[in-house]
Amino acid sequence: MARTPLYKTAETEMLSRISKGTWEIGRRLPNEFELADEFGVSQGTMRRALISLEEMGYLSRKPGRGTLVATATPQEAGLAPAPAPRLETASGADLSLSVFRARSGHRAASPAEADLMGAARLSYIERTLKSGAARAAVDEIVIPEALAGKLSEDAPADLLGFLDSHGLAPTRITAEAHAEITDMALSVALSVDRHTALLCLRLTAHDASGAAIARQTLKLALPGARLTLA
């Protein structure tokens, strides 16, 4: 498994504190020595993490003033918000999904997930989603544990709404799509015939630096359903 650089671990924890408001805008942070001691890293590692967050626009470092929290979210930093993914039915109408069943927890990242998100541990949620009264999709959302320690099973079904409810604000979402057919487990979960065609979507949310902060894998059992990025 890929090893997360120490400066990225410190950077992720500091970014989590900023995005959740634990470190409010305008807060003066301790000096590098104190922060390095708090996070259990060397002064050089801490300096690299601070420089990275300053380049993203989250911190302001001025001689004689120290290090200040500059912004809480990419939107407040003047960055464009992520385009809103839009699920559509075959007729072009909005496809509204709600949570039918969910479970959440924590797990080790796969090698590919660790490379993507720079995290060895992930918070995850697996859900069965419904359209109206019918089961329509299953999904899994994973987020680095340092960014979201516990995922809410009552959070919105759409990725942007889900992230917003956890205090995360991506600036870009990328999407991939392919087709699959259901196996026995998916057939039971979605209450459809075996070998039913599925539209499989993988949505990845990125922060201002381009780093991936969340991934949703969504499998839809609705003929003609599609996704657009507005």
Protein backbone atom coordinates (compact mmCIF):
# COMPACT_ATOMS: atom_id res chain seq x y z
CA MET A 1 0.00 0.00 0.00
CA ALA A 2 1.25 3.50 -0.81
CA ARG A 3 2.63 5.34 2.22
CA THR A 4 1.07 8.73 2.87
CA PRO A 5 3.76 11.45 3.19
CA LEU A 6 3.88 12.91 6.70
CA TYR A 7 3.31 16.45 5.45
CA LYS A 8 0.13 15.31 3.64
CA THR A 9 -1.16 13.74 6.85
CA ALA A 10 -0.62 17.01 8.74
CA GLU A 11 -2.06 19.01 5.84
CA THR A 12 -5.21 16.87 5.74
CA GLU A 13 -5.81 17.24 9.47
CA MET A 14 -5.32 21.02 9.35
CA LEU A 15 -7.61 21.29 6.32
CA SER A 16 -10.26 19.31 8.22
CA ARG A 17 -10.05 21.74 11.16
CA ILE A 18 -10.40 24.72 8.81
CA SER A 19 -13.30 23.30 6.78
CA LYS A 20 -15.23 22.31 9.94
CA GLY A 21 -14.66 25.69 11.60
CA THR A 22 -12.56 24.29 14.45
CA TRP A 23 -9.96 26.78 13.26
CA GLU A 24 -12.09 29.83 12.47
CA ILE A 25 -11.27 32.52 9.90
CA GLY A 26 -8.73 35.00 11.29
CA ARG A 27 -7.39 32.62 13.92
CA ARG A 28 -3.67 33.00 14.56
CA LEU A 29 -2.02 29.58 14.61
CA PRO A 30 0.84 28.56 16.92
CA ASN A 31 4.35 28.80 15.50
CA GLU A 32 5.93 26.00 13.45
CA PHE A 33 7.68 24.48 16.47
CA GLU A 34 4.45 24.22 18.47
CA LEU A 35 2.45 22.88 15.52
CA ALA A 36 5.14 20.32 14.72
CA ASP A 37 5.04 19.14 18.33
CA GLU A 38 1.21 18.98 18.31
CA PHE A 39 1.09 16.95 15.09
CA GLY A 40 4.09 14.78 15.94
CA VAL A 41 6.19 15.75 12.89
CA SER A 42 9.45 17.59 12.28
CA GLN A 43 9.55 21.36 11.84
CA GLY A 44 10.51 20.90 8.19
CA THR A 45 7.52 18.61 7.57
CA MET A 46 5.18 21.10 9.25
CA ARG A 47 6.63 23.98 7.21
CA ARG A 48 5.93 22.06 4.00
CA ALA A 49 2.31 21.44 5.05
CA LEU A 50 1.83 25.12 5.96
CA ILE A 51 3.29 26.28 2.63
CA SER A 52 0.96 23.89 0.77
CA LEU A 53 -2.12 25.24 2.58
CA GLU A 54 -0.97 28.81 1.97
CA GLU A 55 -0.69 28.08 -1.76
CA MET A 56 -4.25 26.72 -1.71
CA GLY A 57 -5.47 29.96 -0.12
CA TYR A 58 -6.46 28.51 3.26
CA LEU A 59 -3.70 30.21 5.26
CA SER A 60 -2.06 33.64 5.21
CA ARG A 61 1.58 33.80 6.39
CA LYS A 62 3.03 37.29 6.84
CA PRO A 63 6.27 38.35 8.54
CA GLY A 64 5.50 39.76 11.98
CA ARG A 65 1.89 38.54 11.88
CA GLY A 66 2.41 34.80 12.02
CA THR A 67 0.10 32.32 10.31
CA LEU A 68 -3.62 33.16 10.08
CA VAL A 69 -6.57 31.12 8.83
CA ALA A 70 -7.55 32.93 5.64
CA THR A 71 -10.69 31.09 4.58
CA ALA A 72 -12.96 28.22 5.56
CA THR A 73 -14.04 26.95 2.15
CA PRO A 74 -12.89 27.20 -1.48
CA GLN A 75 -15.98 29.36 -2.22
CA GLU A 76 -14.85 31.92 0.37
CA ALA A 77 -11.43 31.91 -1.27
CA GLY A 78 -13.06 33.14 -4.49
CA LEU A 79 -12.86 29.78 -6.27
CA ALA A 80 -15.63 28.53 -8.52
CA PRO A 81 -17.85 25.89 -6.91
CA ALA A 82 -18.05 22.42 -8.35
CA PRO A 83 -20.59 21.90 -11.13
CA ALA A 84 -23.68 20.13 -9.84
CA PRO A 85 -24.04 16.56 -11.18
CA ARG A 86 -27.54 16.03 -12.51
CA LEU A 87 -29.15 12.62 -12.85
CA GLU A 88 -31.85 12.40 -15.50
CA THR A 89 -34.49 9.85 -16.44
CA ALA A 90 -34.86 8.62 -20.02
CA SER A 91 -37.32 11.47 -20.64
CA GLY A 92 -34.85 14.12 -19.46
CA ALA A 93 -36.58 14.83 -16.14
CA ASP A 94 -34.58 15.13 -12.92
CA LEU A 95 -34.03 11.79 -11.23
CA SER A 96 -34.57 12.15 -7.51
CA LEU A 97 -33.10 9.47 -5.28
CA SER A 98 -33.61 8.96 -1.55
CA VAL A 99 -32.03 6.61 0.95
CA PHE A 100 -33.78 3.26 1.48
CA ARG A 101 -31.12 1.53 3.54
CA ALA A 102 -27.57 2.43 4.64
CA ARG A 103 -24.62 1.29 6.68
CA SER A 104 -21.40 3.12 7.46
CA GLY A 105 -18.03 2.53 9.06
CA HIS A 106 -14.29 2.70 8.49
CA ARG A 107 -11.88 0.55 6.49
CA ALA A 108 -8.39 0.47 5.07
CA ALA A 109 -7.98 2.11 1.68
CA SER A 110 -7.17 -0.07 -1.27
CA PRO A 111 -3.80 0.67 -2.95
CA ALA A 112 -5.64 2.57 -5.72
CA GLU A 113 -7.69 4.58 -3.19
CA ALA A 114 -4.56 5.37 -1.16
CA ASP A 115 -2.81 6.63 -4.28
CA LEU A 116 -5.88 8.71 -5.23
CA MET A 117 -6.68 10.28 -1.86
CA GLY A 118 -3.40 10.02 0.01
CA ALA A 119 -5.07 8.26 2.93
CA ALA A 120 -4.55 4.85 4.48
CA ARG A 121 -7.93 4.87 6.27
CA LEU A 122 -11.31 5.77 4.82
CA SER A 123 -14.75 6.50 6.21
CA TYR A 124 -17.35 4.78 4.03
CA ILE A 125 -21.09 4.54 3.60
CA GLU A 126 -22.93 1.93 1.51
CA ARG A 127 -26.55 2.63 0.57
CA THR A 128 -29.51 1.27 -1.33
CA LEU A 129 -31.30 4.20 -2.97
CA LYS A 130 -34.87 4.40 -4.17
CA SER A 131 -36.74 6.41 -6.79
CA GLY A 132 -40.26 6.88 -5.51
CA ALA A 133 -41.13 3.59 -3.86
CA ALA A 134 -38.89 1.44 -6.06
CA ARG A 135 -35.29 0.50 -5.31
CA ALA A 136 -33.24 2.09 -8.06
CA ALA A 137 -29.54 2.12 -7.19
CA VAL A 138 -26.75 1.17 -4.82
CA ASP A 139 -23.79 3.35 -4.02
CA GLU A 140 -20.69 3.66 -1.89
CA ILE A 141 -19.06 6.93 -0.83
CA VAL A 142 -15.55 6.99 0.62
CA ILE A 143 -13.81 9.97 2.26
CA PRO A 144 -10.43 10.10 4.03
CA GLU A 145 -11.07 9.46 7.71
CA ALA A 146 -9.15 12.63 8.63
CA LEU A 147 -11.67 14.74 6.67
CA ALA A 148 -14.83 13.05 7.94
CA GLY A 149 -14.56 10.72 10.91
CA LYS A 150 -18.17 9.52 10.84
CA LEU A 151 -20.51 9.59 7.85
CA SER A 152 -24.19 10.34 8.40
CA GLU A 153 -26.63 7.73 7.15
CA ASP A 154 -29.29 10.48 6.93
CA ALA A 155 -27.23 12.68 4.56
CA PRO A 156 -28.61 13.51 1.07
CA ALA A 157 -28.32 10.90 -1.68
CA ASP A 158 -26.53 13.20 -4.14
CA LEU A 159 -22.77 13.62 -3.75
CA LEU A 160 -22.68 17.43 -3.46
CA GLY A 161 -25.45 17.46 -0.87
CA PHE A 162 -23.75 14.63 1.00
CA LEU A 163 -20.41 16.45 1.12
CA ASP A 164 -22.03 19.75 2.10
CA SER A 165 -23.74 18.05 5.05
CA HIS A 166 -20.27 16.97 6.23
CA GLY A 167 -18.72 20.43 5.88
CA LEU A 168 -16.83 19.66 2.65
CA ALA A 169 -16.97 21.85 -0.45
CA PRO A 170 -15.31 20.48 -3.61
CA THR A 171 -14.32 22.77 -6.45
CA ARG A 172 -14.46 20.12 -9.18
CA ILE A 173 -16.20 16.79 -9.78
CA THR A 174 -15.08 14.35 -12.44
CA ALA A 175 -17.20 11.47 -13.70
CA GLU A 176 -16.64 8.13 -15.40
CA ALA A 177 -19.33 5.77 -16.69
CA HIS A 178 -19.58 2.18 -17.87
CA ALA A 179 -22.16 -0.59 -18.10
CA GLU A 180 -22.48 -3.73 -15.97
CA ILE A 181 -25.07 -6.41 -15.31
CA THR A 182 -26.29 -7.42 -11.87
CA ASP A 183 -24.90 -10.40 -10.04
CA MET A 184 -26.99 -12.29 -7.50
CA ALA A 185 -26.21 -9.90 -4.62
CA LEU A 186 -27.10 -6.79 -6.62
CA SER A 187 -30.24 -8.43 -7.99
CA VAL A 188 -31.44 -9.03 -4.44
CA ALA A 189 -30.44 -5.56 -3.22
CA LEU A 190 -32.25 -3.84 -6.10
CA SER A 191 -35.13 -6.35 -6.31
CA VAL A 192 -34.59 -6.92 -10.05
CA ASP A 193 -33.98 -9.93 -12.29
CA ARG A 194 -30.47 -11.28 -12.46
CA HIS A 195 -28.44 -9.94 -15.41
CA THR A 196 -30.35 -6.64 -15.37
CA ALA A 197 -28.33 -3.88 -17.07
CA LEU A 198 -26.77 -1.25 -14.80
CA LEU A 199 -25.42 2.22 -15.50
CA CYS A 200 -22.31 2.51 -13.30
CA LEU A 201 -21.00 5.96 -12.44
CA ARG A 202 -17.86 6.93 -10.56
CA LEU A 203 -17.84 10.52 -9.30
CA THR A 204 -14.67 11.96 -7.77
CA ALA A 205 -14.73 15.22 -5.82
CA HIS A 206 -11.57 17.39 -5.81
CA ASP A 207 -10.50 20.28 -3.61
CA ALA A 208 -8.86 23.54 -4.65
CA SER A 209 -5.44 21.91 -4.98
CA GLY A 210 -6.83 19.18 -7.24
CA ALA A 211 -6.57 16.49 -4.56
CA ALA A 212 -9.38 13.93 -4.40
CA ILE A 213 -11.41 14.28 -1.19
CA ALA A 214 -14.27 11.85 -1.90
CA ARG A 215 -15.42 9.20 -4.35
CA GLN A 216 -18.91 7.91 -5.03
CA THR A 217 -19.52 4.69 -6.94
CA LEU A 218 -23.16 4.56 -8.07
CA LYS A 219 -24.90 1.68 -9.84
CA LEU A 220 -28.31 2.48 -11.35
CA ALA A 221 -30.90 -0.07 -12.46
CA LEU A 222 -33.08 2.38 -14.37
CA PRO A 223 -33.26 2.03 -18.19
CA GLY A 224 -32.21 5.22 -19.96
CA ALA A 225 -30.93 6.98 -16.84
CA ARG A 226 -27.98 9.29 -17.44
CA LEU A 227 -25.82 11.89 -15.71
CA THR A 228 -24.82 15.36 -16.84
CA LEU A 229 -22.49 17.91 -15.22
CA ALA A 230 -24.21 21.30 -15.31
